[in-house]
Amino acid sequence: MEKKYIFEQLPGAILPWYEANKRELPWRQDKDPYHIWLSEVMLQQTRVEAVKGYYARFLQALPTVEALANADDDQLHKLWEGLGYYSRVRNLKKAAQQVMTQHGGVFPNAHGEVLSLPGIGDYTAGAICSIAFDLPTPAVDGNVLRVVSRLTEDATPIDQPAFKKQIAEMLKAVYPSNAGDFTQALMELGATVCGPNRKPDCEKCPCKAFCLAFQNGTQETLPVKSPKRGRRQEAYTVFILSCDGSFALQKRPAAGLLADLWQFPNVKGKLDINAAISKVEEYGLSVKEIYRQVEKKHIFTHIEWNMSGTYMEVKEMLPPFTWMTAERINAEAALPTAFRQFWEETDYV
C-alpha cells in the first residue's frame, strides 16, 4: 500500500469520526484567530485539562490582541504562572504588538505573515491558518507524527526535521475545503485513540482499514525517536527568608532561563546549614531563626536542578531584595515552578 493512497484516505475517514467524537473544548467554540493562537501556545508541553483554567483566566484579563499588546509584564507572568516555558508568553506580547503596529490590530490571515510573528513556528502558523481561516496549512506536531508513522509503518525517527517536512507536504496535498476540521481531526486522533505513552485503541480508530502498523501488529513499536542526550545536572541552594510577615524576592535577569521572573534568593552549589547562614550574613542580614531545609528537584528540557531550600527568619528587611507580604506574592509575583514549589511548602499559598 503506497503512502499516497494512505494519505488520500485520511479526510474521508477522520472527518466523520471527528464530528461524532470530538471533545468539547473552550477554544473550539469559535474561529477567532486570537483564541486559537493563545490555545495552541498554551497547549505546547502542557496537558489539555491543565490549560482550560489558564485559557479562561487569560482571556478574561486580556480579551483582545490590543489588551495583550498593552499588558504589564508582571501581569502577564502572573497569568502564566505555573505553565512554564515563559518565553512563550513574552513572545505572545511581542507578536500582539506587531499585529497592532504592522496589521492595524487585525490578526493577519496569510500564512507567511502569521509565520513572521515572534514565537510562531511552522506548527502554530499551520494550526492558526487552517483552523481560523480554512487554509490548507498542516499543523504537524508529535500527535500527528505518531498517527502518520503508524499509518504508514514508517520507522524514521519522528524528531528528524526532514521527516516532519515530508509529512507536511503529503498532508497539504490531501487537505479538504474544511481545512480547520481536518487539522483538528488529526490532532484529536493523535491525542486520544492513537495517544501517547499508552497502547493505541485500534479497534476504535477510523483508519484501521488502511493502517499498515495495525495490519502488521507493529503499532506499539512506533513511532521511533532518536536517542535522548542526558540532562546537565546543576545544584542550587535557595533561601526562603522571612521578616515580620514579608519574604525576600528578587527578579531574575532580563535574558536567559526564566528571564525577568521572580525568584527566592539563591546561589549555585549545595550549602550545608553553616555555609547557608554565612551566605545570608554576606547579604548583610542577621539570622534570627532557622526553620528547616527542604530538598526539591526541577527538570527543564536539557537541565536538571537539584535544589536545597533553607527556610530562615531574619531580623531586618534590607536590599538588594524586594520584600513582599504573602498576599502580594500570591496576587502579583509570578514564581516559576522551580521556586514556587518552595513557596507551596509554607502555610501562605
Protein backbone atom coordinates (compact mmCIF):
# COMPACT_ATOMS: atom_id res chain seq x y z
CA MET A 1 0.00 0.00 0.00
CA GLU A 2 1.57 3.29 -1.10
CA LYS A 3 1.87 6.29 1.20
CA LYS A 4 0.00 8.44 -1.30
CA TYR A 5 -3.02 6.12 -1.12
CA ILE A 6 -2.98 6.15 2.69
CA PHE A 7 -2.93 9.93 2.83
CA GLU A 8 -5.76 10.15 0.30
CA GLN A 9 -7.95 8.02 2.59
CA LEU A 10 -7.49 10.28 5.61
CA PRO A 11 -10.10 13.04 5.07
CA GLY A 12 -12.94 10.64 4.34
CA ALA A 13 -12.07 8.52 7.36
CA ILE A 14 -11.34 11.05 10.09
CA LEU A 15 -13.74 13.93 9.35
CA PRO A 16 -16.95 11.98 10.16
CA TRP A 17 -15.19 10.40 13.15
CA TYR A 18 -14.17 13.83 14.44
CA GLU A 19 -17.66 15.24 14.11
CA ALA A 20 -19.05 12.36 16.17
CA ASN A 21 -16.27 12.09 18.76
CA LYS A 22 -14.59 15.48 19.23
CA ARG A 23 -14.13 16.79 22.75
CA GLU A 24 -15.90 20.00 23.69
CA LEU A 25 -13.02 22.38 24.38
CA PRO A 26 -13.32 26.12 25.10
CA TRP A 27 -11.06 27.14 22.19
CA ARG A 28 -13.26 25.22 19.75
CA GLN A 29 -16.25 27.49 20.35
CA ASP A 30 -15.30 29.94 17.57
CA LYS A 31 -12.73 30.63 14.86
CA ASP A 32 -11.23 33.77 16.39
CA PRO A 33 -7.52 33.60 15.47
CA TYR A 34 -6.54 35.21 18.79
CA HIS A 35 -8.29 32.42 20.70
CA ILE A 36 -6.79 29.69 18.51
CA TRP A 37 -3.31 31.21 18.75
CA LEU A 38 -3.48 31.54 22.54
CA SER A 39 -4.73 27.97 22.99
CA GLU A 40 -2.08 26.47 20.72
CA VAL A 41 0.72 28.30 22.53
CA MET A 42 -0.64 27.26 25.93
CA LEU A 43 -1.02 23.63 24.82
CA GLN A 44 2.67 23.32 23.95
CA GLN A 45 4.19 20.98 26.55
CA THR A 46 1.00 21.20 28.65
CA ARG A 47 -1.99 18.90 29.16
CA VAL A 48 -5.42 19.94 27.89
CA GLU A 49 -7.05 19.76 31.33
CA ALA A 50 -4.37 21.99 32.83
CA VAL A 51 -4.77 24.59 30.08
CA LYS A 52 -8.55 25.09 30.39
CA GLY A 53 -8.38 27.22 33.53
CA TYR A 54 -5.40 29.25 32.34
CA TYR A 55 -7.11 29.90 29.00
CA ALA A 56 -10.29 31.22 30.64
CA ARG A 57 -8.41 33.44 33.12
CA PHE A 58 -6.11 34.83 30.44
CA LEU A 59 -8.97 35.81 28.12
CA GLN A 60 -10.95 37.31 30.98
CA ALA A 61 -7.99 39.55 31.83
CA LEU A 62 -6.83 40.19 28.24
CA PRO A 63 -9.80 39.64 25.91
CA THR A 64 -8.25 41.16 22.77
CA VAL A 65 -4.95 41.34 20.92
CA GLU A 66 -4.79 45.02 21.82
CA ALA A 67 -5.18 44.24 25.54
CA LEU A 68 -2.38 41.68 25.28
CA ALA A 69 -0.12 44.13 23.44
CA ASN A 70 -0.58 46.70 26.23
CA ALA A 71 -0.37 44.29 29.17
CA ASP A 72 2.07 44.84 32.02
CA ASP A 73 4.83 42.22 32.07
CA ASP A 74 4.24 41.31 35.72
CA GLN A 75 0.54 40.78 34.99
CA LEU A 76 1.43 38.58 32.02
CA HIS A 77 3.83 36.47 34.06
CA LYS A 78 1.28 36.08 36.86
CA LEU A 79 -1.39 34.92 34.38
CA TRP A 80 1.14 32.41 33.03
CA GLU A 81 2.44 31.29 36.44
CA GLY A 82 2.73 27.50 36.57
CA LEU A 83 2.55 26.91 32.81
CA GLY A 84 6.32 27.14 32.42
CA TYR A 85 8.32 27.96 29.30
CA TYR A 86 7.78 31.67 29.99
CA SER A 87 9.37 32.72 26.72
CA ARG A 88 6.03 31.70 25.20
CA VAL A 89 4.09 34.47 26.93
CA ARG A 90 6.80 37.05 26.25
CA ASN A 91 6.59 36.17 22.56
CA LEU A 92 2.80 36.37 22.71
CA LYS A 93 3.08 40.00 23.79
CA LYS A 94 5.73 40.80 21.16
CA ALA A 95 3.57 39.24 18.45
CA ALA A 96 0.49 41.12 19.66
CA GLN A 97 2.43 44.38 19.48
CA GLN A 98 3.48 43.51 15.92
CA VAL A 99 -0.14 42.82 14.98
CA MET A 100 -1.06 46.25 16.32
CA THR A 101 1.75 48.15 14.58
CA GLN A 102 2.03 46.27 11.29
CA HIS A 103 -1.50 44.95 10.74
CA GLY A 104 -3.69 47.65 12.25
CA GLY A 105 -4.74 45.42 15.12
CA VAL A 106 -6.23 42.80 12.78
CA PHE A 107 -4.69 39.33 13.03
CA PRO A 108 -3.17 38.50 9.59
CA ASN A 109 -4.77 35.74 7.53
CA ALA A 110 -1.81 34.96 5.24
CA HIS A 111 0.41 32.06 6.26
CA GLY A 112 3.67 33.92 5.62
CA GLU A 113 2.58 36.91 7.71
CA VAL A 114 1.44 34.68 10.58
CA LEU A 115 4.73 32.77 10.43
CA SER A 116 6.65 36.06 10.70
CA LEU A 117 5.19 36.86 14.11
CA PRO A 118 7.51 36.35 17.12
CA GLY A 119 7.26 32.92 18.70
CA ILE A 120 5.19 31.39 15.90
CA GLY A 121 6.75 28.46 14.08
CA ASP A 122 5.53 26.11 11.36
CA TYR A 123 3.18 24.15 13.62
CA THR A 124 1.45 27.12 15.26
CA ALA A 125 1.16 29.02 11.97
CA GLY A 126 -0.34 25.95 10.33
CA ALA A 127 -2.84 25.49 13.14
CA ILE A 128 -3.95 29.14 13.17
CA CYS A 129 -4.29 29.44 9.40
CA SER A 130 -6.13 26.16 8.91
CA ILE A 131 -8.46 26.38 11.93
CA ALA A 132 -9.21 30.12 11.77
CA PHE A 133 -9.11 30.67 8.00
CA ASP A 134 -9.56 27.16 6.48
CA LEU A 135 -6.26 27.36 4.63
CA PRO A 136 -4.55 24.07 3.62
CA THR A 137 -1.67 24.58 6.06
CA PRO A 138 -0.77 21.41 8.00
CA ALA A 139 0.00 21.63 11.71
CA VAL A 140 2.41 18.77 12.26
CA ASP A 141 3.17 18.04 15.91
CA GLY A 142 4.01 14.92 17.89
CA ASN A 143 0.41 13.70 17.80
CA VAL A 144 0.20 13.95 14.02
CA LEU A 145 3.63 12.38 13.53
CA ARG A 146 2.62 9.46 15.75
CA VAL A 147 -0.52 8.86 13.70
CA VAL A 148 1.27 9.05 10.37
CA SER A 149 4.21 6.89 11.40
CA ARG A 150 1.77 4.15 12.40
CA LEU A 151 -0.47 4.53 9.36
CA THR A 152 2.50 4.21 7.01
CA GLU A 153 4.51 1.89 9.28
CA ASP A 154 7.47 4.24 8.98
CA ALA A 155 10.31 3.78 11.47
CA THR A 156 12.05 7.04 10.56
CA PRO A 157 12.72 8.97 13.81
CA ILE A 158 9.89 11.49 14.06
CA ASP A 159 12.18 14.16 15.51
CA GLN A 160 14.08 14.45 12.23
CA PRO A 161 13.15 17.79 10.57
CA ALA A 162 13.23 16.27 7.07
CA PHE A 163 10.60 13.68 8.07
CA LYS A 164 8.36 16.36 9.54
CA LYS A 165 8.65 18.44 6.38
CA GLN A 166 7.84 15.44 4.20
CA ILE A 167 4.71 14.65 6.21
CA ALA A 168 3.56 18.27 6.00
CA GLU A 169 3.88 18.24 2.21
CA MET A 170 1.96 14.97 1.86
CA LEU A 171 -0.81 16.21 4.13
CA LYS A 172 -1.07 19.51 2.27
CA ALA A 173 -1.81 17.61 -0.93
CA VAL A 174 -4.95 16.00 0.55
CA TYR A 175 -6.42 18.90 2.54
CA PRO A 176 -10.18 19.27 2.04
CA SER A 177 -12.05 22.59 1.87
CA ASN A 178 -12.93 22.37 5.58
CA ALA A 179 -9.26 22.54 6.45
CA GLY A 180 -9.77 23.52 10.08
CA ASP A 181 -11.82 20.44 10.86
CA PHE A 182 -9.22 18.24 9.15
CA THR A 183 -6.39 19.75 11.18
CA GLN A 184 -8.31 19.31 14.42
CA ALA A 185 -9.38 15.77 13.49
CA LEU A 186 -5.74 14.75 13.05
CA MET A 187 -4.83 16.38 16.37
CA GLU A 188 -7.77 14.71 18.11
CA LEU A 189 -6.96 11.27 16.75
CA GLY A 190 -3.35 11.58 17.92
CA ALA A 191 -4.35 12.87 21.35
CA THR A 192 -7.00 10.22 22.06
CA VAL A 193 -7.34 6.96 20.10
CA CYS A 194 -3.73 6.97 18.90
CA GLY A 195 -2.47 8.77 22.01
CA PRO A 196 0.99 8.98 23.57
CA ASN A 197 2.52 6.76 26.27
CA ARG A 198 -0.16 4.09 26.09
CA LYS A 199 -1.44 1.27 23.92
CA PRO A 200 -3.37 2.66 20.92
CA ASP A 201 -7.09 1.86 20.88
CA CYS A 202 -7.00 0.49 17.36
CA GLU A 203 -10.50 -1.03 17.42
CA LYS A 204 -11.97 2.48 17.76
CA CYS A 205 -9.72 4.01 15.10
CA PRO A 206 -11.41 5.24 11.90
CA CYS A 207 -8.19 4.47 9.99
CA LYS A 208 -7.66 0.84 10.92
CA ALA A 209 -8.70 -0.41 7.45
CA PHE A 210 -5.64 1.23 5.88
CA CYS A 211 -3.21 1.42 8.84
CA LEU A 212 -0.15 -0.66 8.00
CA ALA A 213 1.04 -0.86 11.60
CA PHE A 214 -2.35 -2.22 12.71
CA GLN A 215 -2.40 -4.75 9.91
CA ASN A 216 1.12 -5.95 10.73
CA GLY A 217 0.86 -5.73 14.51
CA THR A 218 3.67 -3.16 14.85
CA GLN A 219 1.66 -0.22 16.23
CA GLU A 220 3.21 -0.41 19.69
CA THR A 221 6.74 -0.20 18.29
CA LEU A 222 6.00 3.13 16.60
CA PRO A 223 6.79 5.97 16.49
CA VAL A 224 10.58 5.89 16.73
CA LYS A 225 12.56 8.73 18.29
CA SER A 226 16.27 9.50 18.24
CA PRO A 227 18.13 8.66 21.49
CA LYS A 228 17.97 11.46 24.05
CA ARG A 229 21.03 13.13 25.46
CA GLY A 230 21.37 13.17 29.25
CA ARG A 231 20.37 16.32 31.13
CA ARG A 232 23.02 18.55 32.64
CA GLN A 233 22.89 18.44 36.45
CA GLU A 234 23.07 21.67 38.46
CA ALA A 235 22.80 22.21 42.23
CA TYR A 236 21.36 25.32 43.92
CA THR A 237 20.76 26.49 47.46
CA VAL A 238 17.56 28.55 47.76
CA PHE A 239 16.89 30.93 50.66
CA ILE A 240 13.29 31.44 51.81
CA LEU A 241 13.87 34.42 54.07
CA SER A 242 11.06 35.93 56.14
CA CYS A 243 10.87 39.02 58.32
CA ASP A 244 7.75 40.41 60.04
CA GLY A 245 5.43 38.58 57.62
CA SER A 246 7.28 39.54 54.44
CA PHE A 247 9.55 37.44 52.25
CA ALA A 248 12.68 38.23 50.24
CA LEU A 249 12.35 38.05 46.46
CA GLN A 250 14.44 39.22 43.54
CA LYS A 251 13.96 39.50 39.81
CA ARG A 252 15.92 37.18 37.54
CA PRO A 253 17.97 38.76 34.73
CA ALA A 254 16.06 40.10 31.73
CA ALA A 255 17.60 37.47 29.44
CA GLY A 256 18.23 33.76 29.75
CA LEU A 257 16.45 30.94 31.56
CA LEU A 258 13.28 32.09 33.40
CA ALA A 259 14.05 35.64 32.31
CA ASP A 260 12.53 38.53 34.27
CA LEU A 261 10.56 36.30 36.66
CA TRP A 262 10.59 36.50 40.45
CA GLN A 263 12.70 34.07 42.46
CA PHE A 264 13.82 33.45 46.01
CA PRO A 265 17.49 34.41 46.56
CA ASN A 266 19.73 31.51 45.60
CA VAL A 267 23.30 30.53 44.86
CA LYS A 268 24.88 27.76 42.85
CA GLY A 269 26.00 24.73 44.79
CA LYS A 270 24.57 22.86 47.75
CA LEU A 271 25.44 24.57 51.05
CA ASP A 272 25.23 22.95 54.46
CA ILE A 273 23.42 24.89 57.16
CA ASN A 274 26.51 26.73 58.43
CA ALA A 275 27.53 27.77 54.92
CA ALA A 276 23.95 28.86 54.24
CA ILE A 277 23.96 31.07 57.34
CA SER A 278 27.28 32.61 56.29
CA LYS A 279 25.88 33.36 52.83
CA VAL A 280 22.82 35.10 54.29
CA GLU A 281 25.11 37.17 56.51
CA GLU A 282 27.06 38.21 53.41
CA TYR A 283 23.83 39.87 52.26
CA GLY A 284 24.01 41.99 55.44
CA LEU A 285 21.18 40.11 57.16
CA SER A 286 21.17 38.65 60.68
CA VAL A 287 19.62 35.22 61.09
CA LYS A 288 17.03 35.11 63.87
CA GLU A 289 15.79 31.55 63.48
CA ILE A 290 16.36 28.55 61.21
CA TYR A 291 13.23 26.56 60.46
CA ARG A 292 14.14 23.71 58.12
CA GLN A 293 15.83 22.60 54.93
CA VAL A 294 13.81 21.03 52.10
CA GLU A 295 15.16 19.16 49.07
CA LYS A 296 13.44 19.70 45.70
CA LYS A 297 14.12 18.96 42.06
CA HIS A 298 13.07 20.74 38.88
CA ILE A 299 13.55 19.37 35.37
CA PHE A 300 13.93 21.53 32.28
CA THR A 301 14.32 20.08 28.81
CA HIS A 302 18.12 19.79 28.96
CA ILE A 303 18.90 20.72 32.59
CA GLU A 304 18.00 19.26 35.95
CA TRP A 305 18.14 21.49 39.01
CA ASN A 306 18.76 19.79 42.35
CA MET A 307 17.65 22.40 44.86
CA SER A 308 18.06 22.69 48.61
CA GLY A 309 15.71 25.22 50.22
CA THR A 310 16.63 26.76 53.57
CA TYR A 311 13.81 28.48 55.48
CA MET A 312 15.04 31.24 57.81
CA GLU A 313 13.69 34.22 59.69
CA VAL A 314 15.93 37.27 59.66
CA LYS A 315 15.96 40.39 61.83
CA GLU A 316 15.69 43.06 59.16
CA MET A 317 14.41 43.75 55.64
CA LEU A 318 17.28 45.11 53.57
CA PRO A 319 18.19 45.50 49.90
CA PRO A 320 19.12 44.16 47.44
CA PHE A 321 15.92 42.13 47.90
CA THR A 322 12.30 43.13 47.38
CA TRP A 323 10.26 42.22 50.46
CA MET A 324 6.67 41.17 49.80
CA THR A 325 3.85 40.01 52.01
CA ALA A 326 2.35 36.60 51.33
CA GLU A 327 -0.79 38.28 49.98
CA ARG A 328 1.20 40.30 47.50
CA ILE A 329 3.24 37.26 46.40
CA ASN A 330 0.04 35.31 45.76
CA ALA A 331 -1.58 38.19 43.88
CA GLU A 332 1.29 39.71 41.92
CA ALA A 333 4.57 37.78 41.88
CA ALA A 334 4.97 35.19 39.15
CA LEU A 335 7.12 32.48 40.68
CA PRO A 336 8.28 29.83 38.20
CA THR A 337 7.56 26.28 39.30
CA ALA A 338 11.19 25.69 40.27
CA PHE A 339 10.80 28.27 43.06
CA ARG A 340 7.05 28.07 43.62
CA GLN A 341 7.47 24.52 44.95
CA PHE A 342 9.29 26.02 47.95
CA TRP A 343 6.53 28.60 48.44
CA GLU A 344 3.98 25.80 48.47
CA GLU A 345 5.80 24.31 51.47
CA THR A 346 4.73 27.35 53.51
CA ASP A 347 1.27 28.00 55.03
CA TYR A 348 0.61 31.04 52.87
CA VAL A 349 -0.46 29.64 49.49
